[in-house]
Amino acid sequence: MSEIDTYDESQLAEFPTKKGFRQRGMEMTRLETFTDAAFAFAVISLTLIFVVLIYVYPLKATYSGALEFFSNGYLESFFGLSTFDDVRTLFFVFGTGYAALSATIVLLYRHALSVADRLSLNELERFDSTTEFSFWNINAVVAIISVVLSQTLPDRLVFISGMFYSVFGIVLPWYRIRRSRLRKALVVDSTPSATGEQSS
């Protein structure tokens, strides 16, 4: 598809649909598949895959240390944290990795929304894309705040930078529930029967 082309209604009707979102790019030619794979390895794997690789180890170390802490040393951690500087470094690496991973996904959704017309995204699809865009923005912001806390809190309070991720348990469910309610209202308003009743 060229930069000026958009999907017509016959093409959109052929796309498989998942929860009201038409899945674009499911049926591709071999050339398109090769091109997309080359693009993914050349661009995404310098960003997303790289971030995942450097993020895995501090993730494991963080959870290992947390298990040792909450078990009062019964579950011994493979990752020794002997000083407060070690703790600060751990949360700094973990947080920057998590923020970079989230930011990469944010940029992908931002790009999709910027070419929404070319992709022929309808109102519901734009809503879903915006929901995911904001969801990963929240993830990135929480990680950045944790990083700042890890470098600014006094030693006796530095553990709060790790505990700060617990806000996910409140903010993300609230956000999902709120967006789900708005989505249901949007689906109802966009149905032919609802449109017909409103017009009459």
N, C-alpha and C. Protein backbone atom coordinates (compact mmCIF):
# COMPACT_ATOMS: atom_id res chain seq x y z
N MET A 1 0.84 -1.20 0.00
CA MET A 1 0.00 0.00 0.00
C MET A 1 0.87 1.24 0.00
N SER A 2 0.68 2.11 -0.93
CA SER A 2 1.50 3.31 -1.03
C SER A 2 1.07 4.32 0.03
N GLU A 3 1.85 5.41 0.14
CA GLU A 3 1.61 6.38 1.20
C GLU A 3 0.29 7.12 1.01
N ILE A 4 -0.22 7.18 -0.24
CA ILE A 4 -1.43 7.95 -0.47
C ILE A 4 -2.66 7.04 -0.52
N ASP A 5 -2.46 5.72 -0.54
CA ASP A 5 -3.57 4.79 -0.61
C ASP A 5 -4.22 4.62 0.76
N THR A 6 -5.52 4.33 0.74
CA THR A 6 -6.23 3.94 1.95
C THR A 6 -7.03 2.69 1.63
N TYR A 7 -7.49 1.99 2.66
CA TYR A 7 -8.30 0.79 2.44
C TYR A 7 -9.70 1.20 2.00
N ASP A 8 -10.24 0.48 1.01
CA ASP A 8 -11.63 0.74 0.64
C ASP A 8 -12.54 -0.19 1.44
N GLU A 9 -13.85 0.01 1.33
CA GLU A 9 -14.79 -0.74 2.15
C GLU A 9 -14.75 -2.23 1.88
N SER A 10 -14.52 -2.63 0.63
CA SER A 10 -14.46 -4.06 0.31
C SER A 10 -13.26 -4.72 0.98
N GLN A 11 -12.12 -4.02 1.03
CA GLN A 11 -10.95 -4.56 1.71
C GLN A 11 -11.17 -4.64 3.21
N LEU A 12 -11.76 -3.60 3.78
CA LEU A 12 -12.00 -3.59 5.22
C LEU A 12 -12.95 -4.70 5.64
N ALA A 13 -13.92 -5.01 4.76
CA ALA A 13 -14.91 -6.05 5.09
C ALA A 13 -14.28 -7.43 5.14
N GLU A 14 -13.14 -7.62 4.46
CA GLU A 14 -12.49 -8.93 4.41
C GLU A 14 -11.57 -9.18 5.60
N PHE A 15 -11.24 -8.13 6.36
CA PHE A 15 -10.32 -8.30 7.48
C PHE A 15 -10.98 -9.06 8.62
N PRO A 16 -10.26 -9.97 9.26
CA PRO A 16 -10.80 -10.61 10.48
C PRO A 16 -10.92 -9.56 11.58
N THR A 17 -11.94 -9.73 12.42
CA THR A 17 -12.21 -8.75 13.47
C THR A 17 -12.03 -9.38 14.84
N LYS A 18 -11.36 -8.64 15.74
CA LYS A 18 -11.17 -9.09 17.11
C LYS A 18 -11.63 -7.98 18.05
N LYS A 19 -12.73 -8.26 18.78
CA LYS A 19 -13.31 -7.28 19.70
C LYS A 19 -13.61 -5.96 19.00
N GLY A 20 -14.11 -6.04 17.77
CA GLY A 20 -14.49 -4.85 17.03
C GLY A 20 -13.36 -4.17 16.29
N PHE A 21 -12.12 -4.67 16.45
CA PHE A 21 -10.95 -4.07 15.80
C PHE A 21 -10.58 -4.92 14.59
N ARG A 22 -10.60 -4.30 13.40
CA ARG A 22 -10.27 -5.04 12.17
C ARG A 22 -8.76 -5.25 12.08
N GLN A 23 -8.35 -6.50 11.99
CA GLN A 23 -6.94 -6.87 12.02
C GLN A 23 -6.30 -6.66 10.65
N ARG A 24 -5.56 -5.55 10.53
CA ARG A 24 -4.89 -5.24 9.28
C ARG A 24 -3.56 -5.99 9.19
N GLY A 25 -3.18 -6.33 7.96
CA GLY A 25 -1.89 -6.96 7.76
C GLY A 25 -1.86 -8.44 8.07
N MET A 26 -3.03 -9.07 8.26
CA MET A 26 -3.04 -10.50 8.55
C MET A 26 -2.74 -11.34 7.31
N GLU A 27 -3.22 -10.87 6.16
CA GLU A 27 -2.97 -11.56 4.90
C GLU A 27 -1.94 -10.77 4.11
N MET A 28 -0.72 -11.32 4.00
CA MET A 28 0.35 -10.59 3.33
C MET A 28 1.03 -11.47 2.29
N THR A 29 1.53 -10.86 1.26
CA THR A 29 2.30 -11.60 0.27
C THR A 29 3.66 -11.93 0.84
N ARG A 30 4.40 -12.83 0.15
CA ARG A 30 5.73 -13.20 0.63
C ARG A 30 6.66 -11.99 0.62
N LEU A 31 6.53 -11.13 -0.39
CA LEU A 31 7.37 -9.95 -0.46
C LEU A 31 7.08 -9.01 0.70
N GLU A 32 5.78 -8.83 1.00
CA GLU A 32 5.40 -7.97 2.13
C GLU A 32 5.92 -8.55 3.44
N THR A 33 5.82 -9.86 3.58
CA THR A 33 6.30 -10.51 4.79
C THR A 33 7.80 -10.31 4.96
N PHE A 34 8.54 -10.49 3.86
CA PHE A 34 9.99 -10.31 3.91
C PHE A 34 10.35 -8.87 4.24
N THR A 35 9.64 -7.92 3.61
CA THR A 35 9.90 -6.50 3.85
C THR A 35 9.62 -6.13 5.30
N ASP A 36 8.48 -6.59 5.82
CA ASP A 36 8.12 -6.30 7.21
C ASP A 36 9.12 -6.92 8.17
N ALA A 37 9.55 -8.14 7.88
CA ALA A 37 10.53 -8.80 8.75
C ALA A 37 11.86 -8.05 8.74
N ALA A 38 12.28 -7.61 7.54
CA ALA A 38 13.53 -6.86 7.44
C ALA A 38 13.43 -5.55 8.21
N PHE A 39 12.27 -4.89 8.10
CA PHE A 39 12.07 -3.64 8.83
C PHE A 39 12.11 -3.88 10.34
N ALA A 40 11.45 -4.97 10.76
CA ALA A 40 11.41 -5.28 12.19
C ALA A 40 12.80 -5.52 12.75
N PHE A 41 13.59 -6.31 12.03
CA PHE A 41 14.93 -6.62 12.51
C PHE A 41 15.85 -5.40 12.44
N ALA A 42 15.64 -4.55 11.44
CA ALA A 42 16.52 -3.38 11.26
C ALA A 42 16.19 -2.24 12.21
N VAL A 43 14.91 -2.08 12.55
CA VAL A 43 14.51 -0.93 13.36
C VAL A 43 14.06 -1.35 14.76
N ILE A 44 13.02 -2.19 14.81
CA ILE A 44 12.46 -2.56 16.10
C ILE A 44 13.48 -3.27 16.97
N SER A 45 14.26 -4.25 16.38
CA SER A 45 15.23 -5.01 17.18
C SER A 45 16.42 -4.11 17.60
N LEU A 46 16.58 -2.91 17.13
CA LEU A 46 17.57 -2.00 17.71
C LEU A 46 16.99 -1.22 18.85
N THR A 47 15.82 -1.38 19.05
CA THR A 47 15.09 -0.65 20.11
C THR A 47 14.39 -1.64 21.06
N LEU A 48 13.27 -2.20 20.59
CA LEU A 48 12.44 -2.99 21.49
C LEU A 48 13.16 -4.24 22.00
N ILE A 49 13.72 -5.04 21.08
CA ILE A 49 14.39 -6.28 21.50
C ILE A 49 15.60 -5.98 22.36
N PHE A 50 16.34 -4.94 22.02
CA PHE A 50 17.50 -4.56 22.80
C PHE A 50 17.09 -4.19 24.22
N VAL A 51 16.01 -3.43 24.34
CA VAL A 51 15.54 -3.03 25.66
C VAL A 51 15.12 -4.24 26.48
N VAL A 52 14.43 -5.18 25.83
CA VAL A 52 14.00 -6.40 26.53
C VAL A 52 15.20 -7.17 27.05
N LEU A 53 16.24 -7.27 26.24
CA LEU A 53 17.42 -8.03 26.64
C LEU A 53 18.11 -7.42 27.87
N ILE A 54 18.21 -6.09 27.91
CA ILE A 54 18.88 -5.47 29.06
C ILE A 54 17.94 -5.34 30.25
N TYR A 55 16.64 -5.58 30.03
CA TYR A 55 15.64 -5.42 31.08
C TYR A 55 15.43 -6.72 31.85
N VAL A 56 15.68 -7.87 31.23
CA VAL A 56 15.37 -9.15 31.84
C VAL A 56 16.18 -9.39 33.11
N TYR A 57 17.48 -9.13 33.08
CA TYR A 57 18.32 -9.44 34.24
C TYR A 57 17.95 -8.61 35.47
N PRO A 58 17.83 -7.28 35.37
CA PRO A 58 17.42 -6.52 36.56
C PRO A 58 16.01 -6.89 37.03
N LEU A 59 15.13 -7.32 36.10
CA LEU A 59 13.81 -7.79 36.50
C LEU A 59 13.92 -9.01 37.40
N LYS A 60 14.75 -9.97 36.96
CA LYS A 60 14.96 -11.18 37.76
C LYS A 60 15.60 -10.85 39.10
N ALA A 61 16.59 -9.95 39.08
CA ALA A 61 17.27 -9.56 40.31
C ALA A 61 16.31 -8.87 41.28
N THR A 62 15.43 -8.02 40.75
CA THR A 62 14.48 -7.30 41.59
C THR A 62 13.54 -8.26 42.29
N TYR A 63 12.95 -9.19 41.55
CA TYR A 63 12.02 -10.13 42.15
C TYR A 63 12.72 -11.10 43.09
N SER A 64 13.95 -11.46 42.76
CA SER A 64 14.72 -12.33 43.64
C SER A 64 15.00 -11.64 44.97
N GLY A 65 15.39 -10.37 44.90
CA GLY A 65 15.63 -9.60 46.12
C GLY A 65 14.36 -9.37 46.92
N ALA A 66 13.24 -9.15 46.21
CA ALA A 66 11.96 -8.94 46.90
C ALA A 66 11.53 -10.19 47.65
N LEU A 67 11.72 -11.36 47.03
CA LEU A 67 11.35 -12.61 47.69
C LEU A 67 12.19 -12.84 48.94
N GLU A 68 13.47 -12.51 48.85
CA GLU A 68 14.34 -12.65 50.03
C GLU A 68 13.90 -11.71 51.14
N PHE A 69 13.52 -10.49 50.76
CA PHE A 69 13.11 -9.50 51.76
C PHE A 69 11.83 -9.92 52.46
N PHE A 70 10.80 -10.31 51.67
CA PHE A 70 9.50 -10.64 52.26
C PHE A 70 9.50 -11.99 52.97
N SER A 71 10.47 -12.86 52.64
CA SER A 71 10.57 -14.15 53.34
C SER A 71 11.54 -14.08 54.51
N ASN A 72 12.02 -12.87 54.78
CA ASN A 72 12.96 -12.65 55.89
C ASN A 72 14.22 -13.50 55.74
N GLY A 73 14.69 -13.62 54.49
CA GLY A 73 15.92 -14.34 54.22
C GLY A 73 15.76 -15.82 53.97
N TYR A 74 14.53 -16.35 54.12
CA TYR A 74 14.32 -17.80 53.90
C TYR A 74 14.58 -18.16 52.45
N LEU A 75 14.08 -17.33 51.53
CA LEU A 75 14.31 -17.54 50.10
C LEU A 75 15.51 -16.67 49.71
N GLU A 76 16.67 -17.26 49.73
CA GLU A 76 17.89 -16.51 49.51
C GLU A 76 18.00 -16.01 48.08
N SER A 77 18.41 -14.75 47.94
CA SER A 77 18.53 -14.14 46.63
C SER A 77 19.88 -14.47 45.99
N PHE A 78 19.86 -14.75 44.69
CA PHE A 78 21.11 -15.00 43.96
C PHE A 78 21.87 -13.70 43.73
N PHE A 79 21.15 -12.58 43.89
CA PHE A 79 21.73 -11.27 43.60
C PHE A 79 21.99 -10.55 44.91
N GLY A 80 23.24 -10.45 45.29
CA GLY A 80 23.58 -9.84 46.56
C GLY A 80 23.48 -8.33 46.54
N LEU A 81 22.75 -7.77 47.48
CA LEU A 81 22.63 -6.33 47.63
C LEU A 81 23.27 -5.98 48.98
N SER A 82 24.50 -5.54 48.94
CA SER A 82 25.24 -5.31 50.18
C SER A 82 25.20 -3.87 50.66
N THR A 83 24.91 -2.93 49.75
CA THR A 83 24.90 -1.51 50.12
C THR A 83 23.66 -0.83 49.55
N PHE A 84 23.37 0.34 50.06
CA PHE A 84 22.24 1.11 49.53
C PHE A 84 22.49 1.55 48.09
N ASP A 85 23.75 1.75 47.76
CA ASP A 85 24.08 2.11 46.38
C ASP A 85 23.72 0.97 45.42
N ASP A 86 23.88 -0.28 45.88
CA ASP A 86 23.48 -1.42 45.07
C ASP A 86 21.98 -1.39 44.80
N VAL A 87 21.22 -1.05 45.84
CA VAL A 87 19.76 -0.97 45.70
C VAL A 87 19.38 0.14 44.74
N ARG A 88 20.03 1.29 44.89
CA ARG A 88 19.75 2.41 44.00
C ARG A 88 20.05 2.05 42.54
N THR A 89 21.18 1.40 42.33
CA THR A 89 21.56 1.01 40.97
C THR A 89 20.58 0.02 40.38
N LEU A 90 20.15 -0.94 41.20
CA LEU A 90 19.19 -1.94 40.74
C LEU A 90 17.89 -1.30 40.29
N PHE A 91 17.34 -0.42 41.13
CA PHE A 91 16.07 0.22 40.77
C PHE A 91 16.24 1.20 39.61
N PHE A 92 17.43 1.79 39.49
CA PHE A 92 17.68 2.69 38.38
C PHE A 92 17.69 1.93 37.06
N VAL A 93 18.42 0.82 37.02
CA VAL A 93 18.49 0.02 35.79
C VAL A 93 17.13 -0.58 35.45
N PHE A 94 16.47 -1.12 36.47
CA PHE A 94 15.14 -1.70 36.25
C PHE A 94 14.17 -0.65 35.72
N GLY A 95 14.13 0.52 36.37
CA GLY A 95 13.18 1.56 35.99
C GLY A 95 13.44 2.13 34.61
N THR A 96 14.71 2.36 34.29
CA THR A 96 15.01 2.91 32.96
C THR A 96 14.69 1.89 31.86
N GLY A 97 14.94 0.61 32.16
CA GLY A 97 14.59 -0.43 31.18
C GLY A 97 13.10 -0.52 30.97
N TYR A 98 12.34 -0.49 32.07
CA TYR A 98 10.88 -0.56 31.99
C TYR A 98 10.31 0.67 31.28
N ALA A 99 10.85 1.83 31.60
CA ALA A 99 10.40 3.06 30.95
C ALA A 99 10.70 3.05 29.46
N ALA A 100 11.90 2.57 29.09
CA ALA A 100 12.27 2.51 27.68
C ALA A 100 11.39 1.53 26.92
N LEU A 101 11.09 0.39 27.53
CA LEU A 101 10.20 -0.58 26.90
C LEU A 101 8.81 0.00 26.68
N SER A 102 8.29 0.65 27.71
CA SER A 102 6.96 1.26 27.60
C SER A 102 6.95 2.38 26.58
N ALA A 103 8.00 3.20 26.58
CA ALA A 103 8.07 4.32 25.64
C ALA A 103 8.14 3.84 24.20
N THR A 104 8.81 2.72 23.97
CA THR A 104 8.88 2.17 22.62
C THR A 104 7.49 1.79 22.12
N ILE A 105 6.71 1.15 22.99
CA ILE A 105 5.35 0.76 22.62
C ILE A 105 4.48 2.01 22.43
N VAL A 106 4.69 3.02 23.26
CA VAL A 106 3.97 4.29 23.10
C VAL A 106 4.22 4.88 21.72
N LEU A 107 5.48 4.86 21.28
CA LEU A 107 5.82 5.41 19.97
C LEU A 107 5.16 4.63 18.84
N LEU A 108 5.04 3.31 19.02
CA LEU A 108 4.38 2.49 17.99
C LEU A 108 2.91 2.87 17.86
N TYR A 109 2.22 3.04 19.00
CA TYR A 109 0.82 3.44 18.96
C TYR A 109 0.67 4.88 18.47
N ARG A 110 1.62 5.73 18.82
CA ARG A 110 1.58 7.11 18.34
C ARG A 110 1.68 7.14 16.81
N HIS A 111 2.56 6.30 16.28
CA HIS A 111 2.70 6.24 14.83
C HIS A 111 1.41 5.73 14.18
N ALA A 112 0.82 4.69 14.78
CA ALA A 112 -0.43 4.15 14.22
C ALA A 112 -1.52 5.21 14.20
N LEU A 113 -1.62 6.00 15.27
CA LEU A 113 -2.63 7.06 15.32
C LEU A 113 -2.33 8.18 14.34
N SER A 114 -1.05 8.42 14.07
CA SER A 114 -0.69 9.49 13.13
C SER A 114 -1.05 9.13 11.69
N VAL A 115 -1.16 7.83 11.41
CA VAL A 115 -1.54 7.39 10.06
C VAL A 115 -2.91 6.72 10.10
N ALA A 116 -3.74 7.16 11.04
CA ALA A 116 -5.06 6.55 11.21
C ALA A 116 -5.91 6.65 9.94
N ASP A 117 -5.80 7.76 9.23
CA ASP A 117 -6.57 7.92 7.99
C ASP A 117 -6.12 6.94 6.92
N ARG A 118 -4.81 6.76 6.80
CA ARG A 118 -4.28 5.80 5.82
C ARG A 118 -4.67 4.38 6.17
N LEU A 119 -4.78 4.09 7.46
CA LEU A 119 -5.17 2.75 7.90
C LEU A 119 -6.69 2.58 7.91
N SER A 120 -7.41 3.67 7.63
CA SER A 120 -8.87 3.68 7.64
C SER A 120 -9.41 3.22 8.99
N LEU A 121 -8.82 3.70 10.07
CA LEU A 121 -9.30 3.34 11.40
C LEU A 121 -10.65 4.03 11.65
N ASN A 122 -11.61 3.23 12.10
CA ASN A 122 -12.89 3.84 12.44
C ASN A 122 -12.83 4.40 13.85
N GLU A 123 -13.96 4.92 14.32
CA GLU A 123 -13.97 5.59 15.63
C GLU A 123 -13.60 4.63 16.76
N LEU A 124 -14.11 3.41 16.70
CA LEU A 124 -13.82 2.42 17.74
C LEU A 124 -12.34 2.02 17.73
N GLU A 125 -11.78 1.85 16.54
CA GLU A 125 -10.37 1.47 16.43
C GLU A 125 -9.44 2.59 16.90
N ARG A 126 -9.82 3.81 16.62
CA ARG A 126 -9.04 4.95 17.13
C ARG A 126 -9.12 5.00 18.66
N PHE A 127 -10.31 4.72 19.19
CA PHE A 127 -10.49 4.71 20.63
C PHE A 127 -9.61 3.65 21.29
N ASP A 128 -9.60 2.42 20.72
CA ASP A 128 -8.78 1.34 21.27
C ASP A 128 -7.30 1.67 21.20
N SER A 129 -6.88 2.27 20.09
CA SER A 129 -5.47 2.63 19.93
C SER A 129 -5.07 3.72 20.93
N THR A 130 -5.98 4.67 21.15
CA THR A 130 -5.71 5.73 22.12
C THR A 130 -5.65 5.16 23.54
N THR A 131 -6.51 4.17 23.81
CA THR A 131 -6.50 3.52 25.12
C THR A 131 -5.15 2.87 25.39
N GLU A 132 -4.63 2.11 24.42
CA GLU A 132 -3.34 1.46 24.60
C GLU A 132 -2.20 2.48 24.66
N PHE A 133 -2.31 3.53 23.88
CA PHE A 133 -1.31 4.61 23.91
C PHE A 133 -1.20 5.20 25.31
N SER A 134 -2.35 5.51 25.91
CA SER A 134 -2.35 6.09 27.26
C SER A 134 -1.94 5.07 28.31
N PHE A 135 -2.34 3.80 28.13
CA PHE A 135 -1.98 2.74 29.07
C PHE A 135 -0.46 2.62 29.21
N TRP A 136 0.23 2.61 28.08
CA TRP A 136 1.68 2.46 28.13
C TRP A 136 2.37 3.76 28.56
N ASN A 137 1.70 4.90 28.33
CA ASN A 137 2.22 6.15 28.88
C ASN A 137 2.23 6.13 30.40
N ILE A 138 1.16 5.58 30.98
CA ILE A 138 1.09 5.45 32.44
C ILE A 138 2.23 4.58 32.94
N ASN A 139 2.47 3.46 32.26
CA ASN A 139 3.57 2.58 32.64
C ASN A 139 4.91 3.31 32.62
N ALA A 140 5.13 4.08 31.57
CA ALA A 140 6.40 4.81 31.43
C ALA A 140 6.56 5.85 32.52
N VAL A 141 5.49 6.59 32.82
CA VAL A 141 5.55 7.64 33.83
C VAL A 141 5.84 7.07 35.21
N VAL A 142 5.18 5.97 35.55
CA VAL A 142 5.41 5.34 36.86
C VAL A 142 6.86 4.89 36.98
N ALA A 143 7.41 4.30 35.92
CA ALA A 143 8.80 3.85 35.95
C ALA A 143 9.76 5.03 36.11
N ILE A 144 9.48 6.12 35.42
CA ILE A 144 10.34 7.31 35.51
C ILE A 144 10.32 7.88 36.92
N ILE A 145 9.12 7.95 37.53
CA ILE A 145 9.03 8.44 38.90
C ILE A 145 9.82 7.54 39.85
N SER A 146 9.74 6.23 39.64
CA SER A 146 10.51 5.29 40.46
C SER A 146 12.00 5.53 40.34
N VAL A 147 12.46 5.78 39.12
CA VAL A 147 13.88 6.07 38.90
C VAL A 147 14.31 7.32 39.65
N VAL A 148 13.48 8.36 39.57
CA VAL A 148 13.79 9.61 40.27
C VAL A 148 13.85 9.38 41.78
N LEU A 149 12.89 8.62 42.31
CA LEU A 149 12.88 8.32 43.73
C LEU A 149 14.11 7.53 44.16
N SER A 150 14.54 6.61 43.30
CA SER A 150 15.70 5.78 43.65
C SER A 150 16.98 6.60 43.78
N GLN A 151 17.01 7.75 43.12
CA GLN A 151 18.21 8.58 43.16
C GLN A 151 18.12 9.75 44.13
N THR A 152 16.92 10.01 44.64
CA THR A 152 16.74 11.20 45.49
C THR A 152 16.36 10.88 46.93
N LEU A 153 15.76 9.72 47.18
CA LEU A 153 15.35 9.39 48.54
C LEU A 153 16.55 9.09 49.42
N PRO A 154 16.44 9.37 50.72
CA PRO A 154 17.52 8.99 51.64
C PRO A 154 17.62 7.47 51.73
N ASP A 155 18.75 6.98 52.21
CA ASP A 155 19.00 5.54 52.24
C ASP A 155 17.90 4.74 52.92
N ARG A 156 17.43 5.24 54.05
CA ARG A 156 16.44 4.47 54.81
C ARG A 156 15.09 4.38 54.12
N LEU A 157 14.87 5.21 53.09
CA LEU A 157 13.59 5.21 52.38
C LEU A 157 13.72 4.78 50.92
N VAL A 158 14.90 4.35 50.50
CA VAL A 158 15.11 4.06 49.09
C VAL A 158 14.26 2.90 48.60
N PHE A 159 13.84 2.03 49.52
CA PHE A 159 13.00 0.89 49.12
C PHE A 159 11.66 1.35 48.55
N ILE A 160 11.24 2.58 48.89
CA ILE A 160 9.97 3.10 48.38
C ILE A 160 9.97 3.20 46.86
N SER A 161 11.16 3.42 46.27
CA SER A 161 11.23 3.51 44.81
C SER A 161 10.80 2.20 44.15
N GLY A 162 11.04 1.09 44.83
CA GLY A 162 10.58 -0.20 44.31
C GLY A 162 9.11 -0.43 44.63
N MET A 163 8.71 -0.05 45.84
CA MET A 163 7.31 -0.22 46.24
C MET A 163 6.37 0.67 45.44
N PHE A 164 6.93 1.72 44.81
CA PHE A 164 6.09 2.65 44.07
C PHE A 164 5.34 1.97 42.92
N TYR A 165 5.89 0.87 42.41
CA TYR A 165 5.22 0.15 41.32
C TYR A 165 3.89 -0.44 41.76
N SER A 166 3.65 -0.49 43.07
CA SER A 166 2.38 -1.02 43.55
C SER A 166 1.19 -0.14 43.12
N VAL A 167 1.46 1.10 42.70
CA VAL A 167 0.37 1.96 42.21
C VAL A 167 -0.27 1.38 40.97
N PHE A 168 0.46 0.48 40.28
CA PHE A 168 -0.14 -0.20 39.13
C PHE A 168 -1.41 -0.94 39.53
N GLY A 169 -1.40 -1.49 40.74
CA GLY A 169 -2.56 -2.26 41.20
C GLY A 169 -3.80 -1.42 41.41
N ILE A 170 -3.64 -0.11 41.47
CA ILE A 170 -4.78 0.80 41.63
C ILE A 170 -5.08 1.54 40.33
N VAL A 171 -4.06 2.14 39.76
CA VAL A 171 -4.25 3.02 38.61
C VAL A 171 -4.67 2.25 37.36
N LEU A 172 -3.97 1.16 37.05
CA LEU A 172 -4.26 0.44 35.80
C LEU A 172 -5.64 -0.21 35.78
N PRO A 173 -6.07 -0.90 36.86
CA PRO A 173 -7.45 -1.42 36.85
C PRO A 173 -8.49 -0.31 36.73
N TRP A 174 -8.27 0.81 37.45
CA TRP A 174 -9.21 1.94 37.35
C TRP A 174 -9.28 2.47 35.92
N TYR A 175 -8.11 2.58 35.29
CA TYR A 175 -8.06 3.09 33.92
C TYR A 175 -8.77 2.14 32.96
N ARG A 176 -8.52 0.82 33.11
CA ARG A 176 -9.14 -0.16 32.23
C ARG A 176 -10.66 -0.17 32.39
N ILE A 177 -11.13 -0.09 33.63
CA ILE A 177 -12.58 -0.09 33.88
C ILE A 177 -13.21 1.16 33.26
N ARG A 178 -12.57 2.30 33.47
CA ARG A 178 -13.09 3.56 32.93
C ARG A 178 -13.17 3.53 31.41
N ARG A 179 -12.09 3.08 30.79
CA ARG A 179 -12.07 3.03 29.32
C ARG A 179 -13.04 1.98 28.79
N SER A 180 -13.21 0.88 29.53
CA SER A 180 -14.15 -0.16 29.11
C SER A 180 -15.58 0.36 29.10
N ARG A 181 -15.92 1.16 30.10
CA ARG A 181 -17.27 1.75 30.15
C ARG A 181 -17.47 2.72 28.99
N LEU A 182 -16.47 3.54 28.73
CA LEU A 182 -16.57 4.48 27.61
C LEU A 182 -16.67 3.74 26.28
N ARG A 183 -15.96 2.62 26.18
CA ARG A 183 -15.98 1.84 24.94
C ARG A 183 -17.36 1.23 24.71
N LYS A 184 -17.97 0.72 25.78
CA LYS A 184 -19.31 0.14 25.65
C LYS A 184 -20.31 1.18 25.19
N ALA A 185 -20.20 2.39 25.73
CA ALA A 185 -21.09 3.48 25.31
C ALA A 185 -20.85 3.84 23.85
N LEU A 186 -19.58 3.79 23.44
CA LEU A 186 -19.24 4.10 22.06
C LEU A 186 -19.80 3.04 21.11
N VAL A 187 -19.73 1.78 21.51
CA VAL A 187 -20.26 0.69 20.69
C VAL A 187 -21.76 0.81 20.54
N VAL A 188 -22.45 1.13 21.64
CA VAL A 188 -23.90 1.29 21.59
C VAL A 188 -24.29 2.44 20.68
N ASP A 189 -23.60 3.55 20.81
CA ASP A 189 -23.91 4.73 19.99
C ASP A 189 -23.66 4.52 18.51
N SER A 190 -22.72 3.59 18.20
CA SER A 190 -22.35 3.39 16.80
C SER A 190 -23.14 2.27 16.13
N THR A 191 -24.01 1.57 16.87
CA THR A 191 -24.80 0.51 16.27
C THR A 191 -25.88 1.10 15.39
N PRO A 192 -26.27 0.40 14.30
CA PRO A 192 -27.28 0.93 13.37
C PRO A 192 -28.60 1.23 14.05
N SER A 193 -29.02 0.35 15.01
CA SER A 193 -30.31 0.57 15.67
C SER A 193 -30.31 1.85 16.49
N ALA A 194 -29.17 2.07 17.22
CA ALA A 194 -29.07 3.27 18.03
C ALA A 194 -29.04 4.51 17.15
N THR A 195 -28.32 4.40 16.03
CA THR A 195 -28.24 5.53 15.10
C THR A 195 -29.60 5.85 14.52
N GLY A 196 -30.37 4.78 14.20
CA GLY A 196 -31.68 4.96 13.63
C GLY A 196 -32.65 5.61 14.60
N GLU A 197 -32.57 5.17 15.90
CA GLU A 197 -33.44 5.76 16.92
C GLU A 197 -33.11 7.22 17.15
N GLN A 198 -31.80 7.54 17.13
CA GLN A 198 -31.41 8.92 17.36
C GLN A 198 -31.87 9.80 16.20
N SER A 199 -31.74 9.28 14.97
CA SER A 199 -32.12 10.09 13.81
C SER A 199 -33.61 10.29 13.72
N SER A 200 -34.37 9.27 14.24
CA SER A 200 -35.82 9.40 14.20
C SER A 200 -36.29 10.28 15.37
